[in-house]
N, C-alpha and C. Protein backbone atom coordinates (compact mmCIF):
# COMPACT_ATOMS: atom_id res chain seq x y z
N MET A 1 75.15 -42.75 -134.63
CA MET A 1 75.50 -43.25 -135.94
C MET A 1 76.96 -43.70 -135.98
N THR A 2 77.86 -42.87 -135.44
CA THR A 2 79.27 -43.23 -135.51
C THR A 2 79.59 -44.46 -134.67
N LYS A 3 78.88 -44.63 -133.55
CA LYS A 3 79.11 -45.82 -132.73
C LYS A 3 78.64 -47.07 -133.46
N SER A 4 77.51 -46.97 -134.17
CA SER A 4 77.00 -48.15 -134.87
C SER A 4 77.88 -48.50 -136.08
N LEU A 5 78.69 -47.56 -136.54
CA LEU A 5 79.58 -47.81 -137.68
C LEU A 5 81.04 -47.88 -137.23
N ALA A 6 81.26 -48.33 -136.02
CA ALA A 6 82.62 -48.37 -135.48
C ALA A 6 83.44 -49.52 -136.03
N SER A 7 82.80 -50.56 -136.55
CA SER A 7 83.57 -51.70 -137.05
C SER A 7 83.54 -51.75 -138.58
N PHE A 8 84.55 -52.39 -139.12
CA PHE A 8 84.66 -52.55 -140.58
C PHE A 8 83.44 -53.28 -141.14
N GLU A 9 82.97 -54.30 -140.44
CA GLU A 9 81.82 -55.08 -140.90
C GLU A 9 80.56 -54.23 -140.96
N ASN A 10 80.37 -53.36 -139.96
CA ASN A 10 79.20 -52.49 -139.95
C ASN A 10 79.24 -51.45 -141.07
N ILE A 11 80.43 -50.96 -141.35
CA ILE A 11 80.57 -50.01 -142.46
C ILE A 11 80.23 -50.71 -143.78
N ARG A 12 80.73 -51.92 -143.97
CA ARG A 12 80.41 -52.68 -145.19
C ARG A 12 78.91 -52.95 -145.30
N ALA A 13 78.26 -53.24 -144.20
CA ALA A 13 76.81 -53.47 -144.20
C ALA A 13 76.07 -52.18 -144.58
N PHE A 14 76.56 -51.04 -144.10
CA PHE A 14 75.96 -49.75 -144.44
C PHE A 14 76.13 -49.45 -145.93
N GLU A 15 77.31 -49.74 -146.47
CA GLU A 15 77.53 -49.57 -147.91
C GLU A 15 76.55 -50.42 -148.71
N LYS A 16 76.35 -51.65 -148.27
CA LYS A 16 75.41 -52.54 -148.95
C LYS A 16 73.99 -51.98 -148.87
N GLU A 17 73.63 -51.44 -147.72
CA GLU A 17 72.30 -50.86 -147.55
C GLU A 17 72.10 -49.67 -148.49
N ILE A 18 73.13 -48.84 -148.62
CA ILE A 18 73.05 -47.70 -149.55
C ILE A 18 72.84 -48.22 -150.98
N PHE A 19 73.58 -49.26 -151.35
CA PHE A 19 73.43 -49.85 -152.68
C PHE A 19 72.00 -50.35 -152.89
N GLU A 20 71.46 -51.07 -151.92
CA GLU A 20 70.12 -51.62 -152.06
C GLU A 20 69.06 -50.53 -152.18
N ILE A 21 69.21 -49.46 -151.41
CA ILE A 21 68.27 -48.34 -151.50
C ILE A 21 68.38 -47.67 -152.86
N SER A 22 69.61 -47.55 -153.37
CA SER A 22 69.78 -46.93 -154.70
C SER A 22 69.08 -47.74 -155.78
N GLN A 23 69.06 -49.06 -155.63
CA GLN A 23 68.38 -49.91 -156.60
C GLN A 23 66.86 -49.72 -156.51
N GLU A 24 66.35 -49.54 -155.30
CA GLU A 24 64.91 -49.30 -155.12
C GLU A 24 64.50 -47.95 -155.71
N VAL A 25 65.31 -46.94 -155.46
CA VAL A 25 65.00 -45.58 -155.93
C VAL A 25 65.13 -45.49 -157.44
N ALA A 26 65.93 -46.33 -158.04
CA ALA A 26 66.18 -46.26 -159.48
C ALA A 26 64.91 -46.40 -160.31
N GLY A 27 63.89 -47.06 -159.77
CA GLY A 27 62.65 -47.23 -160.51
C GLY A 27 61.82 -45.97 -160.65
N VAL A 28 62.18 -44.93 -159.94
CA VAL A 28 61.41 -43.68 -159.96
C VAL A 28 61.62 -42.90 -161.25
N ASP A 29 62.79 -43.00 -161.84
CA ASP A 29 63.15 -42.16 -162.98
C ASP A 29 63.95 -42.99 -163.98
N GLU A 30 63.68 -42.78 -165.26
CA GLU A 30 64.37 -43.56 -166.30
C GLU A 30 65.88 -43.33 -166.27
N ARG A 31 66.28 -42.08 -166.09
CA ARG A 31 67.72 -41.76 -166.05
C ARG A 31 68.38 -42.45 -164.86
N LEU A 32 67.71 -42.42 -163.70
CA LEU A 32 68.25 -43.10 -162.52
C LEU A 32 68.33 -44.60 -162.74
N GLY A 33 67.34 -45.15 -163.44
CA GLY A 33 67.33 -46.58 -163.72
C GLY A 33 68.53 -46.99 -164.55
N LYS A 34 68.87 -46.18 -165.55
CA LYS A 34 70.04 -46.48 -166.39
C LYS A 34 71.34 -46.40 -165.59
N LEU A 35 71.43 -45.40 -164.71
CA LEU A 35 72.63 -45.27 -163.87
C LEU A 35 72.73 -46.46 -162.92
N ALA A 36 71.61 -46.88 -162.36
CA ALA A 36 71.61 -47.98 -161.38
C ALA A 36 72.03 -49.30 -162.02
N GLN A 37 71.81 -49.45 -163.31
CA GLN A 37 72.20 -50.70 -163.98
C GLN A 37 73.71 -50.89 -163.97
N THR A 38 74.46 -49.80 -163.96
CA THR A 38 75.92 -49.91 -163.97
C THR A 38 76.54 -49.86 -162.58
N LEU A 39 75.74 -49.51 -161.58
CA LEU A 39 76.24 -49.42 -160.22
C LEU A 39 76.40 -50.81 -159.61
N GLN A 40 77.52 -51.03 -158.96
CA GLN A 40 77.81 -52.28 -158.27
C GLN A 40 78.05 -51.98 -156.79
N PRO A 41 77.82 -52.94 -155.91
CA PRO A 41 78.04 -52.68 -154.47
C PRO A 41 79.45 -52.18 -154.15
N GLU A 42 80.44 -52.66 -154.86
CA GLU A 42 81.82 -52.24 -154.58
C GLU A 42 82.11 -50.81 -155.04
N HIS A 43 81.18 -50.19 -155.73
CA HIS A 43 81.34 -48.80 -156.15
C HIS A 43 81.01 -47.81 -155.03
N ILE A 44 80.48 -48.28 -153.93
CA ILE A 44 80.09 -47.40 -152.83
C ILE A 44 81.07 -47.60 -151.67
N ILE A 45 81.67 -46.48 -151.24
CA ILE A 45 82.65 -46.51 -150.15
C ILE A 45 82.22 -45.48 -149.10
N VAL A 46 82.13 -45.91 -147.86
CA VAL A 46 81.82 -45.01 -146.74
C VAL A 46 83.10 -44.78 -145.96
N ASP A 47 83.42 -43.50 -145.73
CA ASP A 47 84.62 -43.14 -144.98
C ASP A 47 84.21 -42.29 -143.79
N LEU A 48 84.55 -42.73 -142.59
CA LEU A 48 84.27 -41.99 -141.37
C LEU A 48 85.59 -41.71 -140.66
N PRO A 49 86.27 -40.62 -141.03
CA PRO A 49 87.56 -40.33 -140.40
C PRO A 49 87.38 -40.05 -138.91
N THR A 50 88.39 -40.40 -138.14
CA THR A 50 88.34 -40.19 -136.69
C THR A 50 89.25 -39.04 -136.30
N ASN A 51 89.00 -38.49 -135.14
CA ASN A 51 89.81 -37.41 -134.59
C ASN A 51 91.09 -38.01 -134.03
N LYS A 52 92.22 -37.74 -134.66
CA LYS A 52 93.49 -38.30 -134.23
C LYS A 52 94.14 -37.47 -133.12
N ALA A 53 93.72 -36.23 -132.97
CA ALA A 53 94.31 -35.36 -131.95
C ALA A 53 93.45 -35.38 -130.70
N GLN A 54 93.84 -36.20 -129.76
CA GLN A 54 93.11 -36.33 -128.50
C GLN A 54 93.99 -35.77 -127.38
N PRO A 55 93.67 -34.60 -126.85
CA PRO A 55 94.52 -34.04 -125.79
C PRO A 55 94.38 -34.80 -124.49
N GLY A 56 95.45 -34.87 -123.76
CA GLY A 56 95.42 -35.45 -122.42
C GLY A 56 95.35 -34.33 -121.40
N GLY A 57 94.86 -34.61 -120.20
CA GLY A 57 94.67 -33.58 -119.18
C GLY A 57 95.95 -32.85 -118.81
N ASN A 58 97.08 -33.52 -118.85
CA ASN A 58 98.33 -32.88 -118.48
C ASN A 58 99.00 -32.17 -119.65
N LEU A 59 98.47 -32.32 -120.83
CA LEU A 59 99.10 -31.73 -122.01
C LEU A 59 98.38 -30.48 -122.50
N LEU A 60 97.29 -30.11 -121.85
CA LEU A 60 96.47 -29.02 -122.33
C LEU A 60 96.45 -27.89 -121.32
N LEU A 61 96.73 -26.68 -121.78
CA LEU A 61 96.64 -25.51 -120.92
C LEU A 61 95.31 -24.82 -121.20
N THR A 62 94.76 -24.21 -120.16
CA THR A 62 93.51 -23.47 -120.31
C THR A 62 93.69 -22.05 -119.81
N ARG A 63 92.80 -21.17 -120.26
CA ARG A 63 92.84 -19.77 -119.82
C ARG A 63 91.69 -19.58 -118.83
N THR A 64 92.00 -19.00 -117.68
CA THR A 64 90.98 -18.78 -116.65
C THR A 64 90.22 -17.49 -116.92
N GLU A 65 89.19 -17.24 -116.12
CA GLU A 65 88.43 -15.99 -116.24
C GLU A 65 89.29 -14.78 -115.91
N ASP A 66 90.35 -14.99 -115.13
CA ASP A 66 91.27 -13.90 -114.78
C ASP A 66 92.35 -13.70 -115.84
N ASP A 67 92.20 -14.37 -116.97
CA ASP A 67 93.13 -14.28 -118.10
C ASP A 67 94.50 -14.87 -117.78
N GLU A 68 94.54 -15.83 -116.88
CA GLU A 68 95.78 -16.53 -116.58
C GLU A 68 95.77 -17.89 -117.27
N VAL A 69 96.94 -18.36 -117.67
CA VAL A 69 97.07 -19.64 -118.35
C VAL A 69 97.62 -20.66 -117.35
N GLY A 70 97.01 -21.84 -117.33
CA GLY A 70 97.48 -22.88 -116.41
C GLY A 70 96.88 -24.22 -116.76
N LEU A 71 97.15 -25.20 -115.91
CA LEU A 71 96.59 -26.53 -116.12
C LEU A 71 95.09 -26.52 -115.84
N PRO A 72 94.32 -27.40 -116.49
CA PRO A 72 92.88 -27.45 -116.25
C PRO A 72 92.59 -27.76 -114.78
N ASN A 73 91.46 -27.22 -114.30
CA ASN A 73 91.08 -27.49 -112.91
C ASN A 73 90.41 -28.85 -112.79
N LEU A 74 90.08 -29.20 -111.61
CA LEU A 74 89.50 -30.50 -111.30
C LEU A 74 88.19 -30.75 -112.04
N TYR A 75 87.45 -29.70 -112.35
CA TYR A 75 86.12 -29.84 -112.94
C TYR A 75 86.13 -29.86 -114.46
N PHE A 76 87.27 -29.63 -115.06
CA PHE A 76 87.37 -29.59 -116.52
C PHE A 76 88.16 -30.79 -117.00
N ASP A 77 87.53 -31.62 -117.80
CA ASP A 77 88.19 -32.80 -118.35
C ASP A 77 88.37 -32.59 -119.86
N PRO A 78 89.55 -32.14 -120.29
CA PRO A 78 89.75 -31.81 -121.71
C PRO A 78 89.56 -33.01 -122.64
N GLU A 79 89.92 -34.19 -122.19
CA GLU A 79 89.76 -35.37 -123.05
C GLU A 79 88.27 -35.65 -123.29
N ARG A 80 87.49 -35.56 -122.23
CA ARG A 80 86.05 -35.79 -122.38
C ARG A 80 85.42 -34.72 -123.27
N TRP A 81 85.82 -33.46 -123.09
CA TRP A 81 85.31 -32.37 -123.91
C TRP A 81 85.69 -32.59 -125.37
N SER A 82 86.93 -33.00 -125.61
CA SER A 82 87.39 -33.24 -126.98
C SER A 82 86.60 -34.37 -127.63
N ASN A 83 86.35 -35.44 -126.88
CA ASN A 83 85.56 -36.55 -127.43
C ASN A 83 84.14 -36.12 -127.74
N ALA A 84 83.53 -35.33 -126.86
CA ALA A 84 82.17 -34.85 -127.10
C ALA A 84 82.13 -33.95 -128.33
N TYR A 85 83.13 -33.07 -128.45
CA TYR A 85 83.20 -32.18 -129.62
C TYR A 85 83.36 -32.99 -130.89
N ASP A 86 84.24 -33.97 -130.84
CA ASP A 86 84.49 -34.83 -132.01
C ASP A 86 83.22 -35.54 -132.44
N GLN A 87 82.45 -36.06 -131.50
CA GLN A 87 81.22 -36.77 -131.82
C GLN A 87 80.19 -35.84 -132.45
N GLN A 88 80.15 -34.58 -132.02
CA GLN A 88 79.17 -33.63 -132.55
C GLN A 88 79.57 -33.09 -133.92
N LYS A 89 80.86 -32.97 -134.16
CA LYS A 89 81.35 -32.34 -135.40
C LYS A 89 81.87 -33.33 -136.43
N ARG A 90 81.77 -34.62 -136.13
CA ARG A 90 82.30 -35.62 -137.05
C ARG A 90 81.54 -35.56 -138.37
N CYS A 91 82.27 -35.71 -139.41
CA CYS A 91 81.70 -35.67 -140.76
C CYS A 91 82.13 -36.93 -141.49
N GLY A 92 81.20 -37.58 -142.13
CA GLY A 92 81.51 -38.78 -142.90
C GLY A 92 81.33 -38.50 -144.38
N TYR A 93 81.87 -39.37 -145.18
CA TYR A 93 81.81 -39.20 -146.63
C TYR A 93 81.35 -40.49 -147.27
N ILE A 94 80.58 -40.36 -148.33
CA ILE A 94 80.17 -41.50 -149.13
C ILE A 94 80.67 -41.25 -150.54
N PHE A 95 81.47 -42.18 -151.04
CA PHE A 95 82.06 -42.06 -152.37
C PHE A 95 81.45 -43.09 -153.32
N SER A 96 81.40 -42.71 -154.58
CA SER A 96 80.98 -43.62 -155.64
C SER A 96 81.74 -43.19 -156.90
N ILE A 97 81.58 -43.95 -157.96
CA ILE A 97 82.30 -43.60 -159.19
C ILE A 97 81.63 -42.37 -159.82
N ALA A 98 82.41 -41.54 -160.47
CA ALA A 98 81.93 -40.27 -161.01
C ALA A 98 80.82 -40.44 -162.03
N SER A 99 80.86 -41.46 -162.84
CA SER A 99 79.85 -41.63 -163.87
C SER A 99 78.47 -41.95 -163.29
N ILE A 100 78.42 -42.39 -162.03
CA ILE A 100 77.16 -42.71 -161.38
C ILE A 100 76.60 -41.51 -160.63
N SER A 101 77.47 -40.69 -160.07
CA SER A 101 77.02 -39.56 -159.25
C SER A 101 76.35 -38.52 -160.14
N PRO A 102 75.10 -38.17 -159.81
CA PRO A 102 74.39 -37.17 -160.64
C PRO A 102 74.93 -35.78 -160.45
């Protein structure tokens, strides 16, 4: 999901898709229908913050099984681990105006 929303254009397309789905769902309930009448595409904002703290291999110390602190070994790539962790724990937000949000 985060890779498909990596560009500004893709995020804008996703916002538009959310708007279009909201218009379809609005027909299910009278209250939702009234809210949907005031909703505009520009009222929906998708925010996908990125991990700004990316450690480099020479900047990160690790603790060994012997409880010693030192530089990572050949088999441990802290940057790759950090990127994998970031991809798994990334959280995105969808904002709209308060009067629309139920």
